[in-house]
C-alpha atoms as a PDB file:
ATOM      1  CA  MET A   1     -21.914  64.601 -96.020  1.00  0.00           C
ATOM      2  CA  SER A   2     -24.761  64.197 -93.893  1.00  0.00           C
ATOM      3  CA  PHE A   3     -25.016  64.261 -90.062  1.00  0.00           C
ATOM      4  CA  LEU A   4     -27.042  62.318 -87.443  1.00  0.00           C
ATOM      5  CA  SER A   5     -28.927  64.177 -84.722  1.00  0.00           C
ATOM      6  CA  ILE A   6     -28.103  62.927 -81.325  1.00  0.00           C
ATOM      7  CA  PRO A   7     -30.232  64.205 -78.498  1.00  0.00           C
ATOM      8  CA  ALA A   8     -28.515  65.862 -75.690  1.00  0.00           C
ATOM      9  CA  PRO A   9     -28.464  63.937 -71.999  1.00  0.00           C
ATOM     10  CA  ILE A  10     -31.214  65.041 -69.959  1.00  0.00           C
ATOM     11  CA  TRP A  11     -29.778  66.094 -66.339  1.00  0.00           C
ATOM     12  CA  PRO A  12     -31.982  66.229 -63.512  1.00  0.00           C
ATOM     13  CA  SER A  13     -32.308  69.821 -61.935  1.00  0.00           C
ATOM     14  CA  MET A  14     -31.011  70.579 -58.328  1.00  0.00           C
ATOM     15  CA  ARG A  15     -34.513  70.240 -56.933  1.00  0.00           C
ATOM     16  CA  GLU A  16     -34.774  66.996 -58.672  1.00  0.00           C
ATOM     17  CA  SER A  17     -31.619  65.708 -57.175  1.00  0.00           C
ATOM     18  CA  TRP A  18     -32.429  66.577 -53.549  1.00  0.00           C
ATOM     19  CA  LEU A  19     -35.664  64.969 -53.992  1.00  0.00           C
ATOM     20  CA  LEU A  20     -34.031  61.780 -54.973  1.00  0.00           C
ATOM     21  CA  ALA A  21     -31.509  61.788 -52.311  1.00  0.00           C
ATOM     22  CA  PHE A  22     -34.073  62.083 -49.737  1.00  0.00           C
ATOM     23  CA  SER A  23     -35.999  59.170 -51.196  1.00  0.00           C
ATOM     24  CA  LEU A  24     -33.082  57.177 -50.986  1.00  0.00           C
ATOM     25  CA  CYS A  25     -32.351  58.110 -47.137  1.00  0.00           C
ATOM     26  CA  LEU A  26     -35.948  57.481 -46.228  1.00  0.00           C
ATOM     27  CA  CYS A  27     -35.462  54.035 -47.800  1.00  0.00           C
ATOM     28  CA  VAL A  28     -32.215  53.208 -45.950  1.00  0.00           C
ATOM     29  CA  ARG A  29     -33.750  54.251 -42.733  1.00  0.00           C
ATOM     30  CA  GLY A  30     -36.776  52.165 -43.392  1.00  0.00           C
ATOM     31  CA  LEU A  31     -34.395  49.125 -43.813  1.00  0.00           C
ATOM     32  CA  GLU A  32     -32.648  49.921 -40.727  1.00  0.00           C
ATOM     33  CA  GLY A  33     -35.817  50.429 -38.848  1.00  0.00           C
ATOM     34  CA  SER A  34     -37.099  46.909 -40.022  1.00  0.00           C
ATOM     35  CA  VAL A  35     -33.629  45.515 -38.699  1.00  0.00           C
ATOM     36  CA  LEU A  36     -34.019  47.031 -35.206  1.00  0.00           C
ATOM     37  CA  THR A  37     -37.508  45.773 -34.891  1.00  0.00           C
ATOM     38  CA  SER A  38     -36.320  42.133 -35.306  1.00  0.00           C
ATOM     39  CA  GLN A  39     -34.043  42.501 -32.244  1.00  0.00           C
ATOM     40  CA  VAL A  40     -34.730  42.604 -28.419  1.00  0.00           C
ATOM     41  CA  SER A  41     -34.383  45.517 -26.503  1.00  0.00           C
ATOM     42  CA  THR A  42     -35.676  44.339 -23.293  1.00  0.00           C
ATOM     43  CA  CYS A  43     -36.355  40.998 -21.456  1.00  0.00           C
ATOM     44  CA  GLU A  44     -39.246  40.073 -19.135  1.00  0.00           C
ATOM     45  CA  ALA A  45     -38.742  37.777 -16.296  1.00  0.00           C
ATOM     46  CA  ASN A  46     -39.425  37.386 -12.610  1.00  0.00           C
ATOM     47  CA  ASP A  47     -42.393  40.184 -13.227  1.00  0.00           C
ATOM     48  CA  SER A  48     -39.671  42.728 -14.404  1.00  0.00           C
ATOM     49  CA  VAL A  49     -38.034  44.092 -17.329  1.00  0.00           C
ATOM     50  CA  TYR A  50     -34.352  43.839 -17.962  1.00  0.00           C
ATOM     51  CA  TYR A  51     -32.311  45.807 -20.563  1.00  0.00           C
ATOM     52  CA  VAL A  52     -29.750  44.482 -22.804  1.00  0.00           C
ATOM     53  CA  GLY A  53     -26.630  43.672 -20.785  1.00  0.00           C
ATOM     54  CA  GLU A  54     -28.353  43.095 -17.603  1.00  0.00           C
ATOM     55  CA  TRP A  55     -27.976  39.955 -15.584  1.00  0.00           C
ATOM     56  CA  TYR A  56     -30.780  38.118 -13.274  1.00  0.00           C
ATOM     57  CA  PHE A  57     -31.397  35.097 -11.477  1.00  0.00           C
ATOM     58  CA  LEU A  58     -35.032  33.499 -12.003  1.00  0.00           C
ATOM     59  CA  ASP A  59     -37.088  33.568  -8.999  1.00  0.00           C
ATOM     60  CA  SER A  60     -38.499  30.115  -9.990  1.00  0.00           C
ATOM     61  CA  ASP A  61     -34.943  28.519  -9.895  1.00  0.00           C
ATOM     62  CA  PRO A  62     -32.392  30.604  -7.943  1.00  0.00           C
ATOM     63  CA  CYS A  63     -29.291  28.422  -9.606  1.00  0.00           C
ATOM     64  CA  THR A  64     -30.294  29.707 -13.152  1.00  0.00           C
ATOM     65  CA  GLN A  65     -28.811  32.932 -14.080  1.00  0.00           C
ATOM     66  CA  CYS A  66     -29.712  34.902 -17.476  1.00  0.00           C
ATOM     67  CA  GLU A  67     -28.361  37.700 -19.571  1.00  0.00           C
ATOM     68  CA  CYS A  68     -30.547  39.958 -21.480  1.00  0.00           C
ATOM     69  CA  THR A  69     -29.104  40.007 -24.948  1.00  0.00           C
ATOM     70  CA  ALA A  70     -30.336  41.396 -28.406  1.00  0.00           C
ATOM     71  CA  GLU A  71     -31.285  37.877 -29.315  1.00  0.00           C
ATOM     72  CA  GLY A  72     -33.079  37.333 -25.858  1.00  0.00           C
ATOM     73  CA  ALA A  73     -32.356  35.904 -22.687  1.00  0.00           C
ATOM     74  CA  ALA A  74     -29.379  33.544 -22.414  1.00  0.00           C
ATOM     75  CA  CYS A  75     -29.583  31.499 -19.463  1.00  0.00           C
ATOM     76  CA  ALA A  76     -27.103  28.894 -17.677  1.00  0.00           C
ATOM     77  CA  ARG A  77     -27.437  26.876 -14.627  1.00  0.00           C
ATOM     78  CA  THR A  78     -25.085  26.888 -11.677  1.00  0.00           C
ATOM     79  CA  GLU A  79     -23.926  23.634 -10.567  1.00  0.00           C
ATOM     80  CA  CYS A  80     -23.122  23.659  -6.729  1.00  0.00           C
ATOM     81  CA  THR A  81     -19.718  22.248  -5.406  1.00  0.00           C
ATOM     82  CA  ALA A  82     -19.613  19.423  -3.022  1.00  0.00           C
ATOM     83  CA  LEU A  83     -19.723  20.164   0.661  1.00  0.00           C
ATOM     84  CA  PRO A  84     -16.641  19.217   2.570  1.00  0.00           C
ATOM     85  CA  PRO A  85     -17.030  15.611   4.045  1.00  0.00           C
ATOM     86  CA  ALA A  86     -16.287  17.058   7.603  1.00  0.00           C
ATOM     87  CA  CYS A  87     -19.144  19.683   7.393  1.00  0.00           C
ATOM     88  CA  MET A  88     -20.990  19.681  10.779  1.00  0.00           C
ATOM     89  CA  HIS A  89     -23.771  22.169  10.067  1.00  0.00           C
ATOM     90  CA  VAL A  90     -25.375  22.645   6.760  1.00  0.00           C
ATOM     91  CA  SER A  91     -27.547  25.862   5.816  1.00  0.00           C
ATOM     92  CA  HIS A  92     -29.855  26.495   2.750  1.00  0.00           C
ATOM     93  CA  TYR A  93     -31.008  30.096   2.917  1.00  0.00           C
ATOM     94  CA  PRO A  94     -34.196  31.263   0.805  1.00  0.00           C
ATOM     95  CA  GLY A  95     -33.150  32.735  -2.557  1.00  0.00           C
ATOM     96  CA  ASP A  96     -29.655  31.085  -2.376  1.00  0.00           C
ATOM     97  CA  CYS A  97     -28.729  28.291  -5.102  1.00  0.00           C
ATOM     98  CA  CYS A  98     -26.194  26.215  -3.107  1.00  0.00           C
ATOM     99  CA  PRO A  99     -25.973  25.053   0.645  1.00  0.00           C
ATOM    100  CA  ARG A 100     -23.598  26.597   2.800  1.00  0.00           C
ATOM    101  CA  CYS A 101     -21.388  24.766   5.231  1.00  0.00           C
ATOM    102  CA  GLU A 102     -21.450  26.727   8.592  1.00  0.00           C
ATOM    103  CA  LYS A 103     -19.208  24.698  10.821  1.00  0.00           C
ATOM    104  CA  VAL A 104     -16.627  22.034   9.792  1.00  0.00           C
ATOM    105  CA  GLY A 105     -14.876  19.508  12.037  1.00  0.00           C
ATOM    106  CA  CYS A 106     -12.702  16.246  11.348  1.00  0.00           C
ATOM    107  CA  GLU A 107     -13.869  13.459   9.482  1.00  0.00           C
ATOM    108  CA  HIS A 108     -12.462   9.934  10.580  1.00  0.00           C
ATOM    109  CA  ARG A 109     -13.663   6.605   9.083  1.00  0.00           C
ATOM    110  CA  GLY A 110     -16.943   8.049   7.991  1.00  0.00           C
ATOM    111  CA  GLU A 111     -17.485   9.895  11.377  1.00  0.00           C
ATOM    112  CA  VAL A 112     -17.270  13.595  12.153  1.00  0.00           C
ATOM    113  CA  TYR A 113     -15.854  15.200  15.185  1.00  0.00           C
ATOM    114  CA  GLU A 114     -15.846  18.626  16.300  1.00  0.00           C
ATOM    115  CA  LEU A 115     -12.505  20.662  16.478  1.00  0.00           C
ATOM    116  CA  GLY A 116     -10.783  19.838  19.799  1.00  0.00           C
ATOM    117  CA  GLN A 117     -12.745  16.771  20.430  1.00  0.00           C
ATOM    118  CA  HIS A 118     -10.703  13.625  21.828  1.00  0.00           C
ATOM    119  CA  PHE A 119     -12.000  10.332  20.623  1.00  0.00           C
ATOM    120  CA  GLN A 120     -11.394   6.647  20.664  1.00  0.00           C
ATOM    121  CA  PRO A 121     -12.330   5.069  17.312  1.00  0.00           C
ATOM    122  CA  SER A 122     -10.992   1.645  18.713  1.00  0.00           C
ATOM    123  CA  GLU A 123      -9.678   0.111  22.012  1.00  0.00           C
ATOM    124  CA  CYS A 124      -6.241   0.873  20.695  1.00  0.00           C
ATOM    125  CA  GLU A 125      -6.404   4.280  19.447  1.00  0.00           C
ATOM    126  CA  GLN A 126      -6.642   7.737  20.882  1.00  0.00           C
ATOM    127  CA  CYS A 127      -7.532  10.450  18.525  1.00  0.00           C
ATOM    128  CA  THR A 128      -7.748  14.318  18.420  1.00  0.00           C
ATOM    129  CA  CYS A 129      -9.579  16.565  16.292  1.00  0.00           C
ATOM    130  CA  GLU A 130      -6.997  19.269  15.614  1.00  0.00           C
ATOM    131  CA  LEU A 131      -7.600  22.776  14.929  1.00  0.00           C
ATOM    132  CA  ASP A 132      -6.529  22.489  11.046  1.00  0.00           C
ATOM    133  CA  GLY A 133      -9.617  19.703  10.540  1.00  0.00           C
ATOM    134  CA  ILE A 134      -7.227  16.530  10.470  1.00  0.00           C
ATOM    135  CA  ALA A 135      -7.731  14.090  12.980  1.00  0.00           C
ATOM    136  CA  ARG A 136      -4.495  12.775  14.523  1.00  0.00           C
ATOM    137  CA  CYS A 137      -4.185   9.292  16.366  1.00  0.00           C
ATOM    138  CA  LEU A 138      -2.009   7.396  18.587  1.00  0.00           C
ATOM    139  CA  VAL A 139      -1.855   3.684  18.379  1.00  0.00           C
ATOM    140  CA  ALA A 140      -0.907   1.457  21.320  1.00  0.00           C
ATOM    141  CA  ASP A 141       1.760  -0.821  21.107  1.00  0.00           C
ATOM    142  CA  CYS A 142       0.914  -3.858  23.112  1.00  0.00           C
ATOM    143  CA  ALA A 143       3.796  -5.986  24.524  1.00  0.00           C
ATOM    144  CA  PRO A 144       3.531  -9.680  24.440  1.00  0.00           C
ATOM    145  CA  PRO A 145       1.407 -10.764  27.723  1.00  0.00           C
ATOM    146  CA  PRO A 146       3.397 -12.946  30.189  1.00  0.00           C
ATOM    147  CA  CYS A 147       1.003 -15.798  29.840  1.00  0.00           C
ATOM    148  CA  VAL A 148      -0.257 -18.513  27.502  1.00  0.00           C
ATOM    149  CA  ASN A 149      -3.996 -17.822  28.227  1.00  0.00           C
ATOM    150  CA  ALA A 150      -4.410 -14.059  27.928  1.00  0.00           C
ATOM    151  CA  VAL A 151      -7.812 -12.451  27.132  1.00  0.00           C
ATOM    152  CA  TYR A 152      -9.291  -9.498  25.597  1.00  0.00           C
ATOM    153  CA  GLU A 153     -11.616  -7.416  27.941  1.00  0.00           C
ATOM    154  CA  MET A 154     -14.130  -5.230  26.596  1.00  0.00           C
ATOM    155  CA  GLY A 155     -12.788  -1.485  26.086  1.00  0.00           C
ATOM    156  CA  GLU A 156      -9.281  -2.578  26.440  1.00  0.00           C
ATOM    157  CA  CYS A 157      -6.750  -2.388  23.878  1.00  0.00           C
ATOM    158  CA  CYS A 158      -4.105  -4.978  25.026  1.00  0.00           C
ATOM    159  CA  PRO A 159      -4.759  -8.525  26.341  1.00  0.00           C
ATOM    160  CA  LYS A 160      -4.576  -9.449  29.906  1.00  0.00           C
ATOM    161  CA  CYS A 161      -3.479 -12.260  32.063  1.00  0.00           C
ATOM    162  CA  ILE A 162      -6.379 -12.767  34.416  1.00  0.00           C
ATOM    163  CA  GLN A 163      -4.763 -15.804  36.166  1.00  0.00           C
ATOM    164  CA  GLY A 164      -1.092 -14.046  36.324  1.00  0.00           C
ATOM    165  CA  PRO A 165       1.854 -14.920  34.517  1.00  0.00           C
ATOM    166  CA  ASN A 166       2.208 -18.543  33.642  1.00  0.00           C
ATOM    167  CA  CYS A 167       3.535 -20.891  30.871  1.00  0.00           C
ATOM    168  CA  TYR A 168       3.327 -24.413  29.661  1.00  0.00           C
ATOM    169  CA  SER A 169       5.227 -27.097  31.665  1.00  0.00           C
ATOM    170  CA  ASP A 170       6.795 -28.740  28.243  1.00  0.00           C
ATOM    171  CA  ALA A 171       6.472 -28.471  24.481  1.00  0.00           C
ATOM    172  CA  SER A 172       3.010 -30.639  24.479  1.00  0.00           C
ATOM    173  CA  GLN A 173       1.256 -27.524  25.840  1.00  0.00           C
ATOM    174  CA  SER A 174      -1.018 -30.079  27.775  1.00  0.00           C
ATOM    175  CA  ARG A 175      -0.465 -28.384  31.192  1.00  0.00           C
ATOM    176  CA  ILE A 176      -0.122 -24.728  32.487  1.00  0.00           C
ATOM    177  CA  ILE A 177       1.985 -23.957  35.380  1.00  0.00           C
ATOM    178  CA  PRO A 178       1.985 -20.480  37.232  1.00  0.00           C
ATOM    179  CA  GLY A 179       5.208 -18.185  37.047  1.00  0.00           C
ATOM    180  CA  GLY A 180       7.721 -17.007  39.347  1.00  0.00           C
ATOM    181  CA  GLU A 181       7.947 -20.477  41.428  1.00  0.00           C
ATOM    182  CA  TYR A 182       9.141 -24.169  40.943  1.00  0.00           C
ATOM    183  CA  VAL A 183       6.292 -26.721  40.197  1.00  0.00           C
ATOM    184  CA  TRP A 184       6.889 -30.512  40.455  1.00  0.00           C
ATOM    185  CA  LEU A 185       5.750 -32.433  37.494  1.00  0.00           C
ATOM    186  CA  ASP A 186       6.757 -35.490  38.937  1.00  0.00           C
ATOM    187  CA  SER A 187       9.012 -36.810  41.896  1.00  0.00           C
ATOM    188  CA  CYS A 188      12.072 -36.154  39.603  1.00  0.00           C
ATOM    189  CA  THR A 189      11.417 -33.068  37.531  1.00  0.00           C
ATOM    190  CA  LYS A 190      10.904 -29.630  38.735  1.00  0.00           C
ATOM    191  CA  CYS A 191       9.996 -26.487  36.544  1.00  0.00           C
ATOM    192  CA  ARG A 192       9.673 -22.956  36.653  1.00  0.00           C
ATOM    193  CA  CYS A 193       8.070 -20.382  34.584  1.00  0.00           C
ATOM    194  CA  HIS A 194       9.287 -16.665  34.472  1.00  0.00           C
ATOM    195  CA  ASP A 195       7.468 -14.432  36.862  1.00  0.00           C
ATOM    196  CA  GLY A 196       6.637 -11.666  34.373  1.00  0.00           C
ATOM    197  CA  GLN A 197       9.336  -9.652  35.373  1.00  0.00           C
ATOM    198  CA  ASP A 198      12.354 -11.414  33.535  1.00  0.00           C
ATOM    199  CA  VAL A 199      13.373  -9.131  31.073  1.00  0.00           C
ATOM    200  CA  GLY A 200      13.443 -10.490  27.539  1.00  0.00           C
ATOM    201  CA  TYR A 201      12.664 -14.187  28.662  1.00  0.00           C
ATOM    202  CA  TRP A 202       9.038 -14.149  27.977  1.00  0.00           C
ATOM    203  CA  GLU A 203       9.046 -13.034  24.215  1.00  0.00           C
ATOM    204  CA  GLY A 204       9.288 -16.137  22.087  1.00  0.00           C
ATOM    205  CA  ASN A 205       9.662 -18.451  25.051  1.00  0.00           C
ATOM    206  CA  ARG A 206       6.154 -19.951  26.128  1.00  0.00           C
ATOM    207  CA  VAL A 207       7.661 -23.277  27.734  1.00  0.00           C
ATOM    208  CA  ALA A 208       8.955 -23.592  31.616  1.00  0.00           C
ATOM    209  CA  LYS A 209      12.784 -24.379  32.172  1.00  0.00           C
ATOM    210  CA  CYS A 210      12.855 -27.565  33.818  1.00  0.00           C
ATOM    211  CA  GLU A 211      15.512 -29.332  35.988  1.00  0.00           C
ATOM    212  CA  THR A 212      15.688 -33.433  36.300  1.00  0.00           C
ATOM    213  CA  LEU A 213      17.242 -34.862  39.590  1.00  0.00           C
ATOM    214  CA  GLN A 214      20.166 -37.163  38.707  1.00  0.00           C
ATOM    215  CA  ASN A 215      19.723 -40.809  39.396  1.00  0.00           C
ATOM    216  CA  CYS A 216      16.150 -40.368  40.093  1.00  0.00           C
ATOM    217  CA  ASP A 217      13.367 -42.841  38.758  1.00  0.00           C
ATOM    218  CA  PRO A 218       9.932 -41.364  38.885  1.00  0.00           C
ATOM    219  CA  GLU A 219       8.227 -44.998  38.688  1.00  0.00           C
ATOM    220  CA  GLU A 220      10.642 -46.147  41.599  1.00  0.00           C
ATOM    221  CA  GLU A 221       9.717 -43.285  43.805  1.00  0.00           C
ATOM    222  CA  VAL A 222       6.066 -44.081  43.197  1.00  0.00           C
ATOM    223  CA  HIS A 223       6.631 -47.663  44.139  1.00  0.00           C
ATOM    224  CA  ASN A 224       8.508 -46.813  47.082  1.00  0.00           C
ATOM    225  CA  SER A 225       5.668 -44.387  48.272  1.00  0.00           C
END
C-alpha cells in the first residue's frame, strides 16, 4: 500500500493576520472618503456660506427660498397671494417678496370706500361702508308721480311733477288738464283730475273723471253764442 503526500495548509501568522485586517480597513475608509467627497457639505449664495440643513432667501430674488442639502441647493419660488379687492394702501418693503395691504375699505361696483364712509353710487341709493368691510345700501322706492309729464332732475332719484298734479282729459291723451279743479272741455262737459292727495286714485288712473250735462248740445250752445 502506498500513501500520497499532501502538504499541510499554510495558515498566516498572527502578525500577518493583523496586517491583512489593517489593509482592509484602510481600503474601506478610502472608499468612504471617496463617497463623502462627492457630496456637498456647504452651499454658497448671497456672498455667504450655508451648511446642510440651513434655509435662506436669495438677495437677487426675495421670492426664491433655498435649502442647502447634501446634493446642493434646492430652491423654490414663493407665489404671492392676491391682495383683497378693497385694499386702499399697498406697501412693498425692500427685501419682501410680496406686497402688503396696509389699509382695507369696502369695494362696491369697482370703487373702494373708506370704513365708515357714506356714499351715493346712484340717485336712488344711499350706502355706508361698514366696519366689517361690507358696503350696505338703502334703495329708494319711488311712488308713482301724480302727473303724466313728470321729469327726472339731475341728482334726484324720483321723478317730479314740475307743473303740479295733472292728468289726461280723455283716453286720447291729447290734452292735459291740471288737477284739483273742474275744467270745462266744452259747454256741456266738465272734467276733474285728482289733486295729488286722493289716496289710491292716481295709481293706474291717468284720465280725468268727466260729467256731461243732461239735455245739453255743445254745438247748439256754440250757435246760440
